[in-house]
N, C-alpha and C. Protein backbone atom coordinates (compact mmCIF):
# COMPACT_ATOMS: atom_id res chain seq x y z
N MET A 1 64.62 9.36 76.77
CA MET A 1 63.73 9.98 76.27
C MET A 1 62.31 9.27 76.22
N PRO A 2 62.33 8.23 77.11
CA PRO A 2 60.93 7.25 77.23
C PRO A 2 59.80 8.31 77.17
N LEU A 3 58.83 7.54 76.70
CA LEU A 3 57.40 8.17 76.71
C LEU A 3 56.41 7.37 77.25
N THR A 4 55.67 7.97 78.10
CA THR A 4 54.41 7.36 78.72
C THR A 4 53.28 7.04 77.64
N ARG A 5 52.45 5.80 77.90
CA ARG A 5 51.47 5.81 77.30
C ARG A 5 50.48 6.94 76.88
N ARG A 6 50.32 7.69 78.23
CA ARG A 6 49.66 8.96 77.90
C ARG A 6 50.24 9.97 77.06
N HIS A 7 51.57 10.15 77.14
CA HIS A 7 52.18 11.13 76.45
C HIS A 7 52.31 10.82 75.00
N PHE A 8 52.33 9.35 74.81
CA PHE A 8 52.52 8.96 73.52
C PHE A 8 51.34 9.62 72.41
N HIS A 9 50.10 8.86 73.25
CA HIS A 9 48.96 9.50 72.11
C HIS A 9 48.76 10.61 72.04
N ARG A 10 49.10 11.75 72.98
CA ARG A 10 49.09 13.26 72.96
C ARG A 10 50.43 13.75 71.99
N CYS A 11 51.25 12.82 71.89
CA CYS A 11 52.54 13.37 70.98
C CYS A 11 52.41 13.18 69.76
N VAL A 12 51.41 11.91 69.32
CA VAL A 12 51.09 11.39 68.05
C VAL A 12 50.07 12.65 67.33
N LEU A 13 49.30 13.09 68.24
CA LEU A 13 48.18 14.00 67.76
C LEU A 13 49.02 15.22 67.56
N GLY A 14 49.96 15.90 68.22
CA GLY A 14 50.73 16.87 68.34
C GLY A 14 51.87 17.01 67.42
N GLY A 15 52.28 15.84 66.76
CA GLY A 15 53.74 15.61 66.22
C GLY A 15 53.42 14.95 64.68
N LEU A 16 52.62 15.36 64.03
CA LEU A 16 52.39 15.01 62.79
C LEU A 16 53.24 15.74 61.53
N ALA A 17 53.69 16.85 61.72
CA ALA A 17 54.90 17.27 60.97
C ALA A 17 55.70 18.41 61.97
N ILE A 18 56.72 18.49 61.52
CA ILE A 18 57.81 19.50 62.26
C ILE A 18 57.78 20.70 61.47
N VAL A 19 57.11 21.46 61.85
CA VAL A 19 56.99 23.06 61.71
C VAL A 19 58.19 23.89 62.42
N CYS A 20 57.41 24.84 63.34
CA CYS A 20 58.44 25.37 64.44
C CYS A 20 58.53 24.66 65.36
N LEU A 21 59.87 24.23 66.44
CA LEU A 21 59.63 23.73 67.39
C LEU A 21 59.44 24.67 68.90
N PRO A 22 58.22 24.73 69.21
CA PRO A 22 57.63 25.80 70.19
C PRO A 22 58.41 25.61 71.49
N SER A 23 58.00 26.38 72.46
CA SER A 23 58.34 26.61 73.69
C SER A 23 59.40 26.47 74.17
N LEU A 24 59.96 24.86 74.18
CA LEU A 24 61.33 24.24 74.41
C LEU A 24 62.45 24.83 74.06
N ALA A 25 62.20 25.42 72.68
CA ALA A 25 63.09 26.12 71.66
C ALA A 25 63.62 27.18 72.09
N GLN A 26 62.57 28.16 73.11
CA GLN A 26 62.98 29.35 73.59
C GLN A 26 63.54 29.30 74.70
N VAL A 27 63.55 28.29 75.62
CA VAL A 27 63.87 28.07 76.89
C VAL A 27 64.79 27.45 77.08
N GLU A 28 65.82 27.87 78.58
CA GLU A 28 66.68 27.05 78.82
C GLU A 28 66.35 25.78 79.42
N LEU A 29 67.49 24.66 78.90
CA LEU A 29 66.63 23.27 79.12
C LEU A 29 67.15 23.00 80.54
N LYS A 30 66.46 22.25 81.26
CA LYS A 30 66.75 22.00 82.72
C LYS A 30 67.37 20.30 82.63
N GLU A 31 68.55 20.21 83.35
CA GLU A 31 68.98 18.83 83.56
C GLU A 31 67.88 17.90 84.60
N GLY A 32 67.94 16.93 84.15
CA GLY A 32 66.88 15.98 84.79
C GLY A 32 65.18 16.10 84.33
N GLU A 33 65.02 17.29 83.61
CA GLU A 33 63.82 17.10 83.05
C GLU A 33 64.02 16.99 81.45
N ASP A 34 64.48 17.80 81.04
CA ASP A 34 65.02 17.56 79.35
C ASP A 34 66.09 17.03 79.00
N TRP A 35 67.07 16.56 79.84
CA TRP A 35 67.95 15.79 79.34
C TRP A 35 68.83 15.33 80.73
N ARG A 36 69.72 14.27 80.64
CA ARG A 36 70.40 13.59 81.44
C ARG A 36 72.14 13.50 80.87
N ALA A 37 73.07 13.71 81.70
CA ALA A 37 74.37 13.59 81.56
C ALA A 37 74.59 11.87 81.44
N ILE A 38 75.19 11.73 80.33
CA ILE A 38 75.69 10.23 80.29
C ILE A 38 77.19 9.88 80.72
N ILE A 39 77.39 9.35 81.71
CA ILE A 39 78.15 9.41 82.75
C ILE A 39 78.85 7.77 82.70
N PRO A 40 80.00 7.60 82.23
CA PRO A 40 81.10 8.54 81.67
C PRO A 40 80.60 8.72 80.33
N PRO A 41 80.88 10.08 79.58
CA PRO A 41 80.89 10.02 78.26
C PRO A 41 81.40 9.11 77.52
N GLN A 42 80.63 8.83 76.29
CA GLN A 42 81.07 7.68 75.52
C GLN A 42 81.70 7.95 74.40
N PRO A 43 82.66 7.25 73.76
CA PRO A 43 83.36 7.77 72.37
C PRO A 43 82.42 7.26 71.52
N THR A 44 82.55 8.02 70.39
CA THR A 44 81.69 7.60 69.17
C THR A 44 82.48 7.37 68.10
N ASP A 45 81.78 6.92 67.09
CA ASP A 45 82.11 6.22 65.65
C ASP A 45 82.56 7.35 64.95
N THR A 46 82.12 8.81 65.05
CA THR A 46 82.28 9.86 63.90
C THR A 46 82.93 11.08 65.17
N PRO A 47 84.08 11.13 65.50
CA PRO A 47 84.84 12.04 66.35
C PRO A 47 84.74 13.20 65.68
N ASP A 48 84.82 13.33 64.37
CA ASP A 48 84.80 14.79 63.72
C ASP A 48 83.51 15.19 63.79
N LYS A 49 82.34 14.45 64.07
CA LYS A 49 81.10 15.13 63.75
C LYS A 49 80.31 14.89 65.14
N ILE A 50 79.17 15.52 65.22
CA ILE A 50 78.29 15.41 66.55
C ILE A 50 77.50 14.19 66.26
N GLU A 51 77.40 13.35 67.00
CA GLU A 51 76.93 12.07 66.67
C GLU A 51 75.53 11.96 67.47
N VAL A 52 74.63 12.03 66.90
CA VAL A 52 73.54 11.49 67.39
C VAL A 52 72.82 10.16 67.15
N LEU A 53 72.31 9.59 68.29
CA LEU A 53 71.82 8.07 67.93
C LEU A 53 70.39 7.90 68.80
N GLU A 54 69.65 7.25 68.11
CA GLU A 54 68.33 6.91 68.14
C GLU A 54 68.29 5.52 68.59
N PHE A 55 68.18 5.20 69.96
CA PHE A 55 67.91 3.85 70.43
C PHE A 55 66.44 3.35 70.34
N PHE A 56 66.20 2.62 69.62
CA PHE A 56 64.86 2.15 69.42
C PHE A 56 64.51 0.72 68.89
N SER A 57 63.40 0.41 68.90
CA SER A 57 62.97 -1.25 68.56
C SER A 57 61.89 -1.22 67.45
N TYR A 58 61.73 -2.04 66.63
CA TYR A 58 60.37 -2.21 65.79
C TYR A 58 59.33 -2.35 66.66
N GLY A 59 59.78 -3.37 67.70
CA GLY A 59 58.68 -3.63 68.97
C GLY A 59 58.16 -2.67 69.61
N CYS A 60 58.65 -1.36 69.43
CA CYS A 60 57.91 -0.37 70.28
C CYS A 60 57.05 0.58 69.44
N PRO A 61 55.83 0.92 69.86
CA PRO A 61 54.94 1.46 68.95
C PRO A 61 55.33 3.14 69.23
N HIS A 62 56.08 3.60 70.20
CA HIS A 62 56.43 4.97 70.17
C HIS A 62 57.23 5.19 69.06
N CYS A 63 58.28 4.15 69.22
CA CYS A 63 59.42 4.65 67.92
C CYS A 63 58.77 4.61 66.78
N GLY A 64 57.86 3.76 66.71
CA GLY A 64 57.11 3.98 65.18
C GLY A 64 56.17 5.25 64.80
N ALA A 65 56.17 6.02 65.97
CA ALA A 65 55.52 7.10 65.68
C ALA A 65 56.27 8.30 65.76
N LEU A 66 57.54 8.14 65.95
CA LEU A 66 59.01 9.20 66.04
C LEU A 66 59.63 9.00 64.60
N ASN A 67 59.45 7.51 63.99
CA ASN A 67 60.40 7.46 62.97
C ASN A 67 60.30 8.51 61.76
N PRO A 68 58.79 8.62 61.33
CA PRO A 68 58.90 9.35 60.24
C PRO A 68 59.22 11.21 60.51
N LEU A 69 59.11 11.33 61.57
CA LEU A 69 59.58 12.68 62.08
C LEU A 69 61.15 12.55 62.01
N LEU A 70 61.56 11.98 62.63
CA LEU A 70 63.21 11.89 62.95
C LEU A 70 63.66 11.65 61.39
N LYS A 71 63.05 11.06 60.42
CA LYS A 71 63.71 10.98 59.08
C LYS A 71 63.55 12.15 58.62
N GLN A 72 62.37 12.98 58.60
CA GLN A 72 62.30 14.58 57.96
C GLN A 72 63.37 15.33 59.01
N TRP A 73 63.50 15.04 60.32
CA TRP A 73 64.27 15.95 61.15
C TRP A 73 65.71 15.80 59.99
N ALA A 74 65.97 14.45 60.05
CA ALA A 74 67.35 14.09 59.72
C ALA A 74 67.87 14.85 58.43
N THR A 75 66.78 15.15 57.45
CA THR A 75 66.95 15.34 55.98
C THR A 75 67.68 17.11 56.17
N HIS A 76 67.49 17.66 57.38
CA HIS A 76 67.74 19.09 57.80
C HIS A 76 68.89 19.59 58.88
N LEU A 77 69.64 18.40 59.04
CA LEU A 77 70.44 18.04 59.83
C LEU A 77 71.74 18.86 59.57
N PRO A 78 72.66 19.97 60.34
CA PRO A 78 73.59 20.53 59.66
C PRO A 78 74.76 19.44 58.88
N GLU A 79 76.06 20.00 58.27
CA GLU A 79 76.83 19.00 57.96
C GLU A 79 77.68 18.38 59.14
N ASP A 80 77.52 18.95 60.09
CA ASP A 80 78.75 18.38 61.29
C ASP A 80 77.69 17.39 62.05
N VAL A 81 76.72 17.10 61.97
CA VAL A 81 75.77 16.47 62.62
C VAL A 81 75.40 15.02 61.76
N VAL A 82 75.83 13.79 62.07
CA VAL A 82 75.38 12.67 61.94
C VAL A 82 74.16 11.97 62.81
N LEU A 83 73.33 11.31 61.96
CA LEU A 83 72.27 10.27 62.75
C LEU A 83 72.49 8.71 62.54
N GLN A 84 72.64 8.32 63.76
CA GLN A 84 72.56 6.63 63.73
C GLN A 84 71.59 6.13 64.09
N ARG A 85 71.07 4.89 63.80
CA ARG A 85 69.76 4.26 64.73
C ARG A 85 70.27 3.12 65.16
N VAL A 86 69.82 2.74 66.45
CA VAL A 86 70.57 1.47 67.01
C VAL A 86 69.40 0.82 67.75
N PRO A 87 69.17 -0.29 67.13
CA PRO A 87 68.05 -1.17 67.49
C PRO A 87 68.48 -2.21 68.86
N VAL A 88 67.79 -2.17 69.78
CA VAL A 88 68.17 -2.75 71.17
C VAL A 88 67.17 -3.95 71.48
N THR A 89 67.57 -4.82 72.38
CA THR A 89 66.90 -6.09 72.32
C THR A 89 66.37 -6.01 74.03
N PHE A 90 66.96 -5.32 74.95
CA PHE A 90 66.64 -5.38 76.26
C PHE A 90 66.67 -6.80 76.39
N GLY A 91 67.37 -7.89 76.02
CA GLY A 91 67.31 -8.76 76.24
C GLY A 91 66.03 -10.04 76.03
N ARG A 92 65.31 -9.30 75.35
CA ARG A 92 64.15 -9.94 74.52
C ARG A 92 64.54 -10.90 73.34
N GLN A 93 63.81 -12.05 73.27
CA GLN A 93 64.41 -12.85 71.87
C GLN A 93 63.33 -12.08 70.75
N ALA A 94 62.27 -11.72 70.80
CA ALA A 94 61.47 -11.34 69.89
C ALA A 94 62.11 -10.06 69.62
N TRP A 95 62.84 -8.99 70.42
CA TRP A 95 63.18 -7.89 69.84
C TRP A 95 64.63 -8.06 69.13
N ALA A 96 65.21 -9.06 69.62
CA ALA A 96 66.61 -9.61 69.21
C ALA A 96 66.35 -9.76 67.64
N THR A 97 65.27 -10.75 67.32
CA THR A 97 65.07 -11.08 65.81
C THR A 97 64.50 -9.72 64.95
N LEU A 98 64.14 -8.87 65.75
CA LEU A 98 63.70 -7.44 64.90
C LEU A 98 65.10 -6.67 64.75
N ALA A 99 66.03 -6.54 65.62
CA ALA A 99 67.19 -6.11 65.53
C ALA A 99 68.05 -6.80 64.50
N ARG A 100 67.78 -8.01 64.31
CA ARG A 100 68.79 -8.76 63.27
C ARG A 100 68.10 -8.24 62.04
N LEU A 101 66.65 -8.27 61.97
CA LEU A 101 65.97 -7.81 60.65
C LEU A 101 66.37 -6.61 60.32
N PHE A 102 66.66 -5.43 61.22
CA PHE A 102 67.00 -4.36 60.75
C PHE A 102 68.38 -4.19 60.19
N TYR A 103 69.49 -5.16 60.74
CA TYR A 103 70.63 -4.77 60.10
C TYR A 103 70.75 -5.61 59.06
N THR A 104 70.06 -6.72 58.91
CA THR A 104 69.97 -7.62 57.75
C THR A 104 69.46 -6.43 56.31
N LEU A 105 68.35 -6.07 56.74
CA LEU A 105 67.56 -5.26 55.64
C LEU A 105 68.88 -4.09 55.50
N GLN A 106 69.59 -3.61 56.31
CA GLN A 106 70.41 -2.49 56.06
C GLN A 106 71.50 -2.82 55.36
N GLY A 107 71.93 -4.07 55.46
CA GLY A 107 73.16 -4.53 54.30
C GLY A 107 72.84 -5.12 53.36
N LEU A 108 71.40 -5.58 53.12
CA LEU A 108 70.91 -5.71 51.61
C LEU A 108 70.40 -4.33 50.81
N GLY A 109 70.35 -3.26 51.56
CA GLY A 109 69.86 -2.17 51.01
C GLY A 109 68.56 -1.96 50.97
N ALA A 110 67.85 -2.86 51.46
CA ALA A 110 66.43 -2.90 51.35
C ALA A 110 65.92 -2.05 52.68
N LEU A 111 66.43 -1.39 53.57
CA LEU A 111 66.09 -0.88 54.72
C LEU A 111 64.91 0.36 54.79
N GLU A 112 65.63 1.34 53.82
CA GLU A 112 64.77 2.57 53.46
C GLU A 112 63.59 2.17 53.05
N GLN A 113 63.48 1.10 52.36
CA GLN A 113 62.14 0.54 51.51
C GLN A 113 61.07 0.15 52.40
N LEU A 114 61.49 -0.61 53.33
CA LEU A 114 60.65 -1.37 54.07
C LEU A 114 60.62 -0.74 55.79
N ASP A 115 61.50 0.31 55.94
CA ASP A 115 61.49 0.70 57.52
C ASP A 115 60.14 0.90 58.41
N GLN A 116 59.37 1.83 57.44
CA GLN A 116 58.39 2.12 58.45
C GLN A 116 57.13 1.07 58.09
N GLU A 117 57.20 0.48 56.99
CA GLU A 117 56.28 -0.82 56.83
C GLU A 117 56.27 -1.70 58.01
N ILE A 118 57.63 -1.84 58.46
CA ILE A 118 57.82 -3.03 59.47
C ILE A 118 56.87 -2.61 60.77
N PHE A 119 57.00 -1.14 60.98
CA PHE A 119 56.24 -0.78 62.25
C PHE A 119 54.78 -0.98 62.06
N THR A 120 54.39 -0.55 60.98
CA THR A 120 52.92 -0.75 60.42
C THR A 120 52.18 -2.20 60.55
N ALA A 121 53.04 -3.01 60.00
CA ALA A 121 53.10 -4.76 59.99
C ALA A 121 52.95 -4.95 61.55
N ILE A 122 53.83 -4.41 62.40
CA ILE A 122 53.44 -5.03 63.62
C ILE A 122 52.54 -4.54 64.41
N HIS A 123 52.39 -3.34 64.70
CA HIS A 123 51.52 -2.44 65.44
C HIS A 123 49.99 -2.12 64.78
N ASP A 124 49.66 -2.04 63.75
CA ASP A 124 48.61 -1.92 63.15
C ASP A 124 48.33 -2.92 62.41
N GLN A 125 49.17 -4.10 61.72
CA GLN A 125 48.40 -5.06 61.22
C GLN A 125 48.30 -6.46 61.99
N ARG A 126 49.15 -6.03 63.29
CA ARG A 126 49.42 -7.32 64.22
C ARG A 126 50.25 -8.67 63.60
N LEU A 127 50.93 -8.08 62.58
CA LEU A 127 51.55 -9.36 62.24
C LEU A 127 52.84 -9.83 63.07
N LYS A 128 53.24 -10.78 63.32
CA LYS A 128 54.38 -11.38 64.20
C LYS A 128 55.54 -11.49 63.33
N LEU A 129 56.16 -10.40 63.14
CA LEU A 129 57.57 -10.41 62.20
C LEU A 129 58.56 -11.00 63.09
N TYR A 130 58.79 -10.84 64.36
CA TYR A 130 59.53 -11.69 65.20
C TYR A 130 59.46 -13.21 65.13
N GLN A 131 58.39 -13.76 64.56
CA GLN A 131 58.46 -15.46 64.21
C GLN A 131 58.99 -15.37 62.68
N GLU A 132 60.03 -16.35 62.62
CA GLU A 132 60.43 -16.43 61.21
C GLU A 132 59.71 -16.78 59.82
N PRO A 133 58.80 -17.84 60.04
CA PRO A 133 58.05 -18.00 59.16
C PRO A 133 57.07 -16.71 58.66
N THR A 134 56.37 -16.04 59.49
CA THR A 134 55.48 -14.93 59.35
C THR A 134 56.58 -13.81 58.44
N LEU A 135 57.77 -14.03 58.88
CA LEU A 135 58.69 -12.94 58.73
C LEU A 135 59.27 -13.02 57.09
N MET A 136 59.36 -14.24 57.03
CA MET A 136 59.85 -14.76 55.22
C MET A 136 58.63 -14.53 54.49
N GLU A 137 57.46 -15.06 54.91
CA GLU A 137 56.40 -14.70 54.09
C GLU A 137 56.26 -13.36 53.76
N TRP A 138 56.42 -12.44 54.65
CA TRP A 138 56.14 -10.79 54.56
C TRP A 138 57.21 -10.35 53.59
N LEU A 139 58.31 -10.90 53.89
CA LEU A 139 59.51 -10.28 53.05
C LEU A 139 59.31 -10.72 51.68
N SER A 140 59.01 -12.14 51.42
CA SER A 140 58.68 -12.54 49.99
C SER A 140 57.72 -11.46 49.22
N ALA A 141 56.51 -11.37 49.91
CA ALA A 141 55.52 -10.56 49.09
C ALA A 141 56.12 -9.22 48.76
N ARG A 142 57.31 -8.89 49.33
CA ARG A 142 57.80 -7.57 49.08
C ARG A 142 59.11 -7.61 48.19
N GLY A 143 58.93 -8.87 47.74
CA GLY A 143 60.28 -8.98 46.49
C GLY A 143 61.75 -9.06 47.25
N ILE A 144 61.71 -9.46 48.37
CA ILE A 144 63.23 -9.78 49.17
C ILE A 144 63.60 -11.15 48.75
N ASP A 145 64.84 -11.25 48.12
CA ASP A 145 65.16 -12.41 48.02
C ASP A 145 65.34 -13.48 49.14
N GLN A 146 64.61 -14.62 49.16
CA GLN A 146 64.77 -15.31 50.87
C GLN A 146 66.07 -15.66 50.84
N ALA A 147 66.77 -16.37 49.80
CA ALA A 147 67.98 -17.13 50.12
C ALA A 147 69.03 -15.68 50.65
N ALA A 148 69.03 -14.66 49.84
CA ALA A 148 70.18 -13.73 50.40
C ALA A 148 69.75 -13.02 51.74
N PHE A 149 68.42 -13.12 52.17
CA PHE A 149 68.12 -12.62 53.35
C PHE A 149 68.65 -13.68 54.40
N LYS A 150 68.22 -14.76 54.18
CA LYS A 150 68.40 -16.05 55.36
C LYS A 150 70.05 -15.98 55.55
N ASN A 151 70.69 -15.96 54.68
CA ASN A 151 72.18 -16.05 54.70
C ASN A 151 72.55 -14.85 55.30
N ALA A 152 72.20 -13.53 55.20
CA ALA A 152 72.69 -12.59 55.93
C ALA A 152 72.10 -12.69 57.54
N PHE A 153 70.75 -12.77 57.50
CA PHE A 153 70.15 -12.89 58.51
C PHE A 153 70.71 -13.74 59.86
N ALA A 154 71.51 -14.94 59.20
CA ALA A 154 72.20 -15.68 60.02
C ALA A 154 73.68 -15.44 60.07
N SER A 155 74.08 -14.52 59.58
CA SER A 155 75.78 -14.19 59.51
C SER A 155 76.16 -13.51 60.65
N PHE A 156 77.73 -14.18 60.60
CA PHE A 156 78.39 -13.45 61.95
C PHE A 156 78.08 -12.19 61.98
N ASP A 157 78.29 -11.18 61.10
CA ASP A 157 78.30 -9.79 60.94
C ASP A 157 76.95 -9.23 61.34
N VAL A 158 75.95 -9.66 61.24
CA VAL A 158 74.27 -9.14 61.81
C VAL A 158 74.63 -9.54 63.39
N HIS A 159 74.97 -10.73 63.64
CA HIS A 159 74.91 -11.07 65.04
C HIS A 159 75.97 -10.24 65.81
N THR A 160 77.04 -9.97 65.33
CA THR A 160 77.96 -8.99 66.39
C THR A 160 77.47 -7.73 66.06
N LYS A 161 76.74 -7.16 65.18
CA LYS A 161 76.01 -5.71 65.12
C LYS A 161 75.20 -5.54 66.05
N VAL A 162 74.37 -6.92 66.22
CA VAL A 162 72.95 -6.58 67.23
C VAL A 162 73.67 -6.66 68.78
N LYS A 163 75.03 -7.49 69.09
CA LYS A 163 75.81 -7.60 70.45
C LYS A 163 76.11 -6.32 70.70
N ARG A 164 76.72 -5.54 69.75
CA ARG A 164 77.32 -4.28 69.75
C ARG A 164 76.12 -3.09 70.25
N SER A 165 75.30 -3.37 69.66
CA SER A 165 73.99 -2.53 69.70
C SER A 165 73.46 -2.41 71.25
N ASP A 166 73.45 -3.82 71.93
CA ASP A 166 73.10 -3.96 73.18
C ASP A 166 74.23 -3.52 74.26
N TYR A 167 75.37 -3.97 73.80
CA TYR A 167 76.48 -2.88 74.45
C TYR A 167 76.46 -1.58 74.40
N LEU A 168 76.26 -1.02 73.48
CA LEU A 168 75.78 0.50 73.56
C LEU A 168 74.91 1.05 74.33
N ALA A 169 73.89 0.16 74.27
CA ALA A 169 72.47 0.41 75.20
C ALA A 169 72.93 0.41 76.70
N GLU A 170 73.82 -0.57 76.94
CA GLU A 170 74.06 -0.70 78.40
C GLU A 170 75.24 0.43 78.93
N ARG A 171 76.11 1.07 78.02
CA ARG A 171 77.05 1.68 77.94
C ARG A 171 76.18 3.50 78.45
N TYR A 172 75.39 3.55 77.72
CA TYR A 172 74.44 4.68 77.52
C TYR A 172 73.45 4.74 78.88
N GLN A 173 73.23 3.56 79.22
CA GLN A 173 72.52 3.40 80.10
C GLN A 173 71.30 3.71 79.73
N ILE A 174 70.58 3.01 78.86
CA ILE A 174 69.23 3.09 78.28
C ILE A 174 68.42 2.21 78.87
N ASP A 175 67.08 2.44 79.50
CA ASP A 175 66.29 1.73 80.04
C ASP A 175 65.04 1.91 79.44
N ALA A 176 64.61 2.57 78.27
CA ALA A 176 63.40 2.78 77.63
C ALA A 176 63.55 3.28 76.13
N VAL A 177 62.94 2.92 75.16
CA VAL A 177 62.71 3.52 73.99
C VAL A 177 61.67 4.16 73.25
N PRO A 178 61.77 5.15 72.47
CA PRO A 178 62.76 5.59 71.98
C PRO A 178 63.58 6.58 72.98
N THR A 179 65.11 6.69 72.65
CA THR A 179 66.02 7.61 73.47
C THR A 179 66.65 8.20 72.46
N ILE A 180 66.76 9.39 72.38
CA ILE A 180 67.97 10.18 71.64
C ILE A 180 69.03 10.35 72.48
N THR A 181 70.46 10.25 71.95
CA THR A 181 71.49 10.72 72.66
C THR A 181 72.56 11.68 71.83
N VAL A 182 73.10 12.59 72.58
CA VAL A 182 73.73 13.50 71.48
C VAL A 182 75.61 13.41 72.14
N ALA A 183 75.98 13.15 70.92
CA ALA A 183 77.66 13.43 71.26
C ALA A 183 78.43 12.50 72.14
N GLY A 184 77.50 11.20 72.51
CA GLY A 184 77.80 10.67 73.85
C GLY A 184 78.16 11.16 75.11
N ARG A 185 77.25 12.32 75.12
CA ARG A 185 77.31 13.08 76.49
C ARG A 185 76.02 13.14 77.13
N TYR A 186 75.00 13.45 76.06
CA TYR A 186 73.55 13.94 76.65
C TYR A 186 72.58 12.86 76.18
N ALA A 187 71.48 12.83 76.87
CA ALA A 187 70.23 11.68 76.57
C ALA A 187 69.15 12.77 76.90
N VAL A 188 68.42 12.56 75.75
CA VAL A 188 66.93 13.40 75.58
C VAL A 188 66.04 13.07 76.52
N LEU A 189 65.39 13.91 77.48
CA LEU A 189 64.37 13.18 78.47
C LEU A 189 63.18 14.01 78.17
N ALA A 190 61.79 13.44 78.48
CA ALA A 190 60.27 14.00 78.06
C ALA A 190 59.83 14.68 79.20
N GLY A 191 60.51 15.19 80.15
CA GLY A 191 60.07 15.69 81.37
C GLY A 191 59.03 16.76 80.92
N ARG A 192 59.29 17.70 80.27
CA ARG A 192 58.48 18.93 79.93
C ARG A 192 58.10 18.86 78.30
N ALA A 193 58.25 18.19 77.85
CA ALA A 193 58.12 17.72 76.13
C ALA A 193 56.65 17.50 76.09
N ARG A 194 55.93 18.33 75.49
CA ARG A 194 54.61 17.85 74.97
C ARG A 194 54.45 17.25 73.82
N THR A 195 55.14 17.51 72.60
CA THR A 195 54.90 16.71 71.66
C THR A 195 56.20 16.22 71.02
N LEU A 196 56.21 15.20 70.04
CA LEU A 196 57.14 14.53 69.78
C LEU A 196 58.29 15.47 68.99
N PRO A 197 57.89 16.70 68.37
CA PRO A 197 58.50 17.40 67.61
C PRO A 197 59.45 18.36 68.70
N GLU A 198 58.89 18.31 70.01
CA GLU A 198 59.66 19.46 71.17
C GLU A 198 60.99 18.47 71.57
N LEU A 199 60.45 16.95 71.33
CA LEU A 199 61.61 16.12 71.80
C LEU A 199 62.95 16.37 70.90
N LEU A 200 62.87 16.62 69.64
CA LEU A 200 63.71 16.79 68.45
C LEU A 200 64.29 18.49 68.64
N GLY A 201 63.38 19.15 69.33
CA GLY A 201 63.83 20.49 69.82
C GLY A 201 64.92 20.28 70.92
N ILE A 202 64.65 19.67 71.81
CA ILE A 202 65.62 19.41 73.00
C ILE A 202 66.97 18.85 72.45
N ALA A 203 66.78 18.04 71.45
CA ALA A 203 68.06 17.48 70.74
C ALA A 203 68.85 18.46 70.14
N GLU A 204 68.25 19.18 69.46
CA GLU A 204 68.70 20.53 68.65
C GLU A 204 69.23 21.21 69.63
N GLN A 205 68.83 21.69 70.80
CA GLN A 205 69.71 22.46 71.86
C GLN A 205 70.77 21.92 72.19
N LEU A 206 70.68 20.37 72.46
CA LEU A 206 71.92 19.75 72.75
C LEU A 206 73.10 19.63 72.23
N ILE A 207 72.54 19.57 70.67
CA ILE A 207 73.43 19.73 69.58
C ILE A 207 74.10 20.80 69.35
N ALA A 208 73.58 22.05 69.76
CA ALA A 208 74.43 23.20 69.89
C ALA A 208 75.20 23.30 70.90
N ARG A 209 75.09 22.69 72.10
CA ARG A 209 75.94 22.56 73.44
C ARG A 209 77.06 21.72 72.89
N ALA A 210 76.68 20.74 72.40
CA ALA A 210 77.98 20.05 72.09
C ALA A 210 78.75 20.73 71.17
N ARG A 211 78.24 21.30 70.12
CA ARG A 211 79.01 22.22 69.18
C ARG A 211 80.02 23.10 69.82
N VAL A 212 79.32 23.69 70.66
CA VAL A 212 80.28 24.68 71.75
C VAL A 212 81.26 23.95 72.38
N GLU A 213 81.03 23.15 72.95
CA GLU A 213 82.03 22.69 73.79
C GLU A 213 83.14 21.55 72.96
N GLY A 214 82.70 21.11 71.81
CA GLY A 214 83.65 20.51 70.81
C GLY A 214 84.46 21.77 70.39
N SER A 215 84.22 22.82 69.95
CA SER A 215 84.87 23.58 69.73
C SER A 215 85.94 24.34 70.75
N ALA A 216 85.44 24.45 71.81
CA ALA A 216 86.34 24.58 72.85
C ALA A 216 87.47 23.79 73.08
N GLN A 217 87.01 22.50 72.92
CA GLN A 217 88.05 21.38 73.05
C GLN A 217 88.83 20.92 71.73
N GLY A 218 89.05 22.03 70.70
CA GLY A 218 89.60 21.71 69.57
C GLY A 218 88.93 20.79 68.73
N GLY A 219 87.64 20.66 68.53
CA GLY A 219 87.05 20.09 67.72
C GLY A 219 86.47 18.51 67.89
N SER A 220 86.83 18.16 69.03
CA SER A 220 86.43 16.80 69.23
C SER A 220 85.08 16.73 69.85
N PHE A 221 84.10 15.71 69.25
CA PHE A 221 82.77 15.88 69.72
C PHE A 221 82.60 14.71 70.80
N GLY A 222 83.25 13.63 70.79
CA GLY A 222 82.85 12.30 71.29
C GLY A 222 83.60 12.33 72.75
N GLY A 223 83.14 11.77 73.68
CA GLY A 223 83.44 11.48 74.73
C GLY A 223 84.70 10.78 74.91
N ASN A 224 85.27 10.32 76.00
CA ASN A 224 86.23 9.40 76.12
C ASN A 224 86.08 8.63 77.48
N LEU A 225 86.34 7.55 76.97
CA LEU A 225 86.44 6.38 78.30
C LEU A 225 87.60 6.70 79.63
């Protein structure tokens, strides 16, 4: 689901709210334009549900534009669908720091409070939150306990989660962000999508497809290695 810069600016203007999901919601999706198969299909953490993953980075402005729409979209997902976010690094040290930030705040219960604000700080305020002194100053101003944060930030648990995120990105053949995947089988592409809501409309159609296939296979949604 990677977006070019031209598409990105057009999507921001067209995707400020999810109302109806036009055009692509009424047409048959095309493989190679609207979606690609994940080969081999990947097992998921929630085999009894349809797992939707968003591969992203705080270092990506496109991800920042999608984030509030994705959160709104997630509140309307059916009970058999679960959304998980996966911060990737692509081998970049700065992005690795930001991935650790995501998992640290998640563990401290402060992610929801600061999630979108991180995008704003990096891309609008031009703060270098991938540098630890700047990050710690920024967090302190928002009431985050520095000792607790530092302990979690340097923990084996957080490092392990970042490594697993990169492993998933490799297994899912993720080469750009944001990318949305469905049921370990499909990745959303932006070939014909004109707006960010249309990308989510593609995801909804792929969810429906995965639901039918899961029912045909006895209710198992995740792929098998």
